[in-house]
Protein backbone atom coordinates (compact mmCIF):
# COMPACT_ATOMS: atom_id res chain seq x y z
CA UNK A 1 104.68 86.53 138.17
CA UNK A 2 105.69 85.80 134.62
CA UNK A 3 103.86 82.73 133.32
CA UNK A 4 105.28 82.64 129.80
CA UNK A 5 104.09 84.19 126.57
CA UNK A 6 100.94 82.87 124.93
CA UNK A 7 101.64 80.96 121.68
CA UNK A 8 99.20 83.34 119.95
CA UNK A 9 101.73 86.15 120.34
CA UNK A 10 103.41 85.20 117.07
CA UNK A 11 100.11 85.56 115.19
CA UNK A 12 99.66 89.07 116.59
CA UNK A 13 103.19 90.12 115.63
CA UNK A 14 102.89 88.87 112.05
CA UNK A 15 99.45 90.44 111.93
CA UNK A 16 100.68 93.90 112.90
CA UNK A 17 103.54 93.65 110.40
CA UNK A 18 101.16 93.08 107.49
CA UNK A 19 98.23 95.14 108.79
CA UNK A 20 99.96 98.19 110.19
CA UNK A 21 96.98 100.48 110.51
CA UNK A 22 94.81 101.82 113.28
CA UNK A 23 91.64 99.89 112.43
CA UNK A 24 93.41 96.51 112.57
CA UNK A 25 95.26 97.35 115.77
CA UNK A 26 92.15 98.59 117.56
CA UNK A 27 90.36 95.37 116.61
CA UNK A 28 93.24 93.29 118.03
CA UNK A 29 94.30 95.54 120.92
CA UNK A 30 93.19 93.08 123.59
CA UNK A 31 95.39 90.40 121.98
CA UNK A 32 98.30 92.85 122.17
CA UNK A 33 97.65 93.48 125.86
CA UNK A 34 97.04 89.84 126.79
CA UNK A 35 99.63 88.04 124.67
CA UNK A 36 102.45 90.58 124.36
CA UNK A 37 102.46 93.67 126.58
CA UNK A 38 101.28 92.17 129.89
CA UNK A 39 103.64 89.14 129.90
CA UNK A 40 106.52 91.33 128.65
CA UNK A 41 105.97 93.69 131.57
CA UNK A 42 105.77 90.76 134.01
CA UNK A 43 109.00 89.25 132.67
CA UNK A 44 110.88 92.53 132.98
CA UNK A 45 109.57 93.26 136.47
CA UNK A 46 110.42 89.78 137.77
CA UNK A 47 113.96 89.88 136.41
CA UNK A 48 114.50 93.45 137.62
CA UNK A 49 113.32 92.64 141.13
CA UNK A 50 115.63 89.60 141.26
CA UNK A 51 118.56 91.83 140.23
CA UNK A 52 117.62 94.85 142.34
CA UNK A 53 120.08 94.26 145.18
CA UNK A 54 122.95 93.51 142.77
CA UNK A 55 122.44 96.66 140.69
CA UNK A 56 122.07 99.12 143.56
CA UNK A 57 123.96 102.29 142.81
CA UNK A 58 123.95 101.81 139.04
CA UNK A 59 120.82 103.90 138.50
CA UNK A 60 119.08 101.23 136.40
CA UNK A 61 115.30 101.15 135.98
CA UNK A 62 112.89 98.78 134.23
CA UNK A 63 110.73 99.81 131.28
CA UNK A 64 108.68 98.33 128.43
CA UNK A 65 108.74 100.00 125.03
CA UNK A 66 105.68 101.53 123.40
CA UNK A 67 104.25 99.78 120.36
CA UNK A 68 103.35 103.17 118.91
CA UNK A 69 105.97 104.65 116.63
CA UNK A 70 107.13 108.22 117.21
CA UNK A 71 105.13 110.30 114.72
CA UNK A 72 108.29 112.28 113.92
CA UNK A 73 110.06 109.12 112.73
CA UNK A 74 107.48 107.24 110.67
CA UNK A 75 109.32 107.75 107.34
CA UNK A 76 106.45 106.18 105.41
CA UNK A 77 106.01 103.27 107.82
CA UNK A 78 102.85 102.38 109.69
CA UNK A 79 102.03 103.87 113.10
CA UNK A 80 102.92 100.70 115.04
CA UNK A 81 106.07 98.69 115.66
CA UNK A 82 106.01 95.01 114.72
CA UNK A 83 108.12 94.13 117.75
CA UNK A 84 108.19 94.92 121.44
CA UNK A 85 111.06 95.03 123.90
CA UNK A 86 111.62 95.52 127.59
CA UNK A 87 114.77 96.94 129.12
CA UNK A 88 116.73 97.51 132.29
CA UNK A 89 118.76 100.67 131.77
CA UNK A 90 119.54 104.15 132.98
CA UNK A 91 116.78 106.67 132.17
CA UNK A 92 117.66 108.76 129.13
CA UNK A 93 116.17 111.03 126.50
CA UNK A 94 114.19 109.60 123.56
CA UNK A 95 117.11 109.80 121.11
CA UNK A 96 119.99 109.20 123.52
CA UNK A 97 122.01 106.01 123.61
CA UNK A 98 123.00 104.02 126.64
CA UNK A 99 124.00 100.56 127.76
CA UNK A 100 120.91 98.38 128.07
CA UNK A 101 119.78 94.93 129.12
CA UNK A 102 116.97 94.03 126.73
CA UNK A 103 114.53 91.30 125.76
CA UNK A 104 112.71 91.61 122.44
CA UNK A 105 110.03 89.70 120.58
CA UNK A 106 109.61 90.15 116.82
CA UNK A 107 107.72 88.11 114.21
CA UNK A 108 110.84 86.05 113.51
CA UNK A 109 111.64 85.22 117.13
CA UNK A 110 113.34 86.56 120.25
CA UNK A 111 116.62 88.12 121.28
CA UNK A 112 117.96 89.31 124.60
CA UNK A 113 121.20 90.37 126.20
CA UNK A 114 123.26 93.53 126.77
CA UNK A 115 123.82 96.23 124.18
CA UNK A 116 125.39 99.64 123.71
CA UNK A 117 124.27 100.71 120.23
CA UNK A 118 124.84 104.46 120.37
CA UNK A 119 128.01 104.66 122.39
CA UNK A 120 129.23 108.28 122.53
CA UNK A 121 132.58 108.81 120.83
CA UNK A 122 134.03 110.02 124.14
CA UNK A 123 132.91 106.83 125.92
CA UNK A 124 134.46 104.70 123.18
CA UNK A 125 137.69 106.69 123.52
CA UNK A 126 137.68 106.20 127.29
CA UNK A 127 137.14 102.47 126.73
CA UNK A 128 140.18 102.20 124.44
CA UNK A 129 142.27 104.31 126.82
CA UNK A 130 141.39 102.03 129.72
CA UNK A 131 142.20 98.94 127.66
CA UNK A 132 145.57 100.48 126.81
CA UNK A 133 146.23 101.44 130.41
CA UNK A 134 145.05 98.27 132.14
CA UNK A 135 143.88 95.51 129.77
CA UNK A 136 143.68 92.64 132.26
CA UNK A 137 140.23 93.34 133.81
CA UNK A 138 138.50 93.39 130.45
CA UNK A 139 140.57 90.49 129.17
CA UNK A 140 139.02 88.49 131.99
CA UNK A 141 135.54 89.48 130.80
CA UNK A 142 136.37 88.76 127.16
CA UNK A 143 137.75 85.36 128.14
CA UNK A 144 134.56 84.51 130.02
CA UNK A 145 132.49 85.42 126.96
CA UNK A 146 134.56 83.08 124.78
CA UNK A 147 133.31 80.27 127.01
CA UNK A 148 129.67 81.10 126.23
CA UNK A 149 128.98 79.94 122.65
CA UNK A 150 125.28 80.65 123.24
CA UNK A 151 126.04 84.39 123.34
CA UNK A 152 126.89 86.32 120.17
CA UNK A 153 129.06 89.45 120.08
CA UNK A 154 127.99 91.87 117.35
CA UNK A 155 128.37 95.57 116.66
CA UNK A 156 129.57 98.18 114.20
CA UNK A 157 133.27 98.93 113.94
CA UNK A 158 134.98 102.16 112.96
CA UNK A 159 135.78 102.31 109.24
CA UNK A 160 139.20 103.65 110.11
CA UNK A 161 141.03 101.57 112.70
CA UNK A 162 141.70 103.22 116.04
CA UNK A 163 144.93 101.28 116.35
CA UNK A 164 146.09 97.82 117.36
CA UNK A 165 144.45 96.25 120.38
CA UNK A 166 146.63 95.75 123.48
CA UNK A 167 146.24 91.97 123.12
CA UNK A 168 144.76 89.41 120.76
CA UNK A 169 141.96 88.72 123.22
CA UNK A 170 140.78 92.33 122.88
CA UNK A 171 140.82 92.51 119.08
CA UNK A 172 137.08 91.83 118.87
CA UNK A 173 136.42 94.87 121.08
CA UNK A 174 139.02 97.57 120.51
CA UNK A 175 137.64 99.14 117.32
CA UNK A 176 133.91 98.81 118.01
CA UNK A 177 131.73 101.89 118.15
CA UNK A 178 128.75 99.84 119.32
CA UNK A 179 128.15 96.31 120.52
CA UNK A 180 125.58 93.79 121.61
CA UNK A 181 126.01 90.47 123.39
CA UNK A 182 122.89 88.52 122.61
CA UNK A 183 121.10 85.23 122.72
CA UNK A 184 118.71 84.69 119.81
CA UNK A 185 116.21 82.12 118.61
CA UNK A 186 112.87 81.42 117.01
CA UNK A 187 109.56 80.61 118.64
CA UNK A 188 110.76 77.84 120.91
CA UNK A 189 108.76 76.09 123.61
CA UNK A 190 110.68 77.90 126.36
CA UNK A 191 109.01 81.21 125.42
CA UNK A 192 105.73 79.82 126.67
CA UNK A 193 107.01 78.68 130.06
CA UNK A 194 107.68 80.55 133.34
CA UNK A 195 111.26 79.21 133.37
CA UNK A 196 112.17 81.68 130.62
CA UNK A 197 112.55 84.31 133.35
CA UNK A 198 115.22 82.19 135.07
CA UNK A 199 117.19 81.84 131.83
CA UNK A 200 117.06 85.58 131.15
CA UNK A 201 118.07 86.33 134.74
CA UNK A 202 121.07 83.97 134.54
CA UNK A 203 122.24 85.63 131.34
CA UNK A 204 121.82 89.15 132.73
CA UNK A 205 123.81 88.16 135.81
CA UNK A 206 126.60 86.86 133.61
CA UNK A 207 126.58 90.15 131.64
CA UNK A 208 126.34 92.44 134.67
CA UNK A 209 130.15 92.85 135.01
CA UNK A 210 130.24 94.09 131.39
CA UNK A 211 127.52 96.59 132.23
CA UNK A 212 129.36 97.82 135.33
CA UNK A 213 132.60 98.17 133.36
CA UNK A 214 131.05 100.47 130.76
CA UNK A 215 129.03 102.51 133.26
CA UNK A 216 132.19 103.19 135.28
CA UNK A 217 133.85 104.68 132.20
CA UNK A 218 131.86 107.85 132.88
CA UNK A 219 134.29 108.67 135.68
CA UNK A 220 137.43 108.27 133.55
CA UNK A 221 139.30 111.36 132.31
CA UNK A 222 139.00 112.55 128.73
CA UNK A 223 141.83 110.74 126.89
CA UNK A 224 142.46 113.79 124.73
CA UNK A 225 143.40 115.92 127.72
CA UNK A 226 147.06 116.45 128.50
CA UNK A 227 146.61 114.90 131.93
CA UNK A 228 145.28 111.58 130.63
CA UNK A 229 147.66 108.62 130.73
CA UNK A 230 148.71 107.23 127.37
CA UNK A 231 149.51 103.73 126.27
CA UNK A 232 152.83 102.74 127.73
CA UNK A 233 155.68 101.65 125.53
CA UNK A 234 155.29 98.12 126.86
CA UNK A 235 151.87 97.75 125.16
């Protein structure tokens, strides 16, 4: 069971940021395991098991990231990450994108929520086509998000507009090529308490309909095909 992170976790994370080398990490490896990796794994497992029945059929699995950077992507940086995250997502290749529930700790604080950072262009096109064809289901989701000021919608937009959104409520979504819905903060007392798992679980449950919506886009037709429905004149 998740018991909360140890307050010393912030010292480790700042330490690895400013001492990103093997000798320092090996000296502090037990702190990494005790204060960061082990509670992160427990948090992810507890939340995943609580969601397991609700996410049946979605193909989602739980994982914790490695603190070791990929040697092919160091680009002059040290061999270790200065943050750690856990995720509930579909298995994918190392450089493939996908929609993901995540929780992350970094030296500055925490963030968690649902994100789709590397949305394939075809998926984004299917999303816009579905909004054009039947905007009401996602309008309901967008409306529910407006009622959650604790959750922030972020994400890159296309430099060239893909067109007007079907409704004002969908303007924040229509031209995005990636998005995250997140809750963020510094090193607050709640990070050190078991109840953090309940808060994360409640947020994931709220975001689960968004996750289902985007996963189901895989079954939609390619909007560029002649058989795909187009936006009706009424929209």
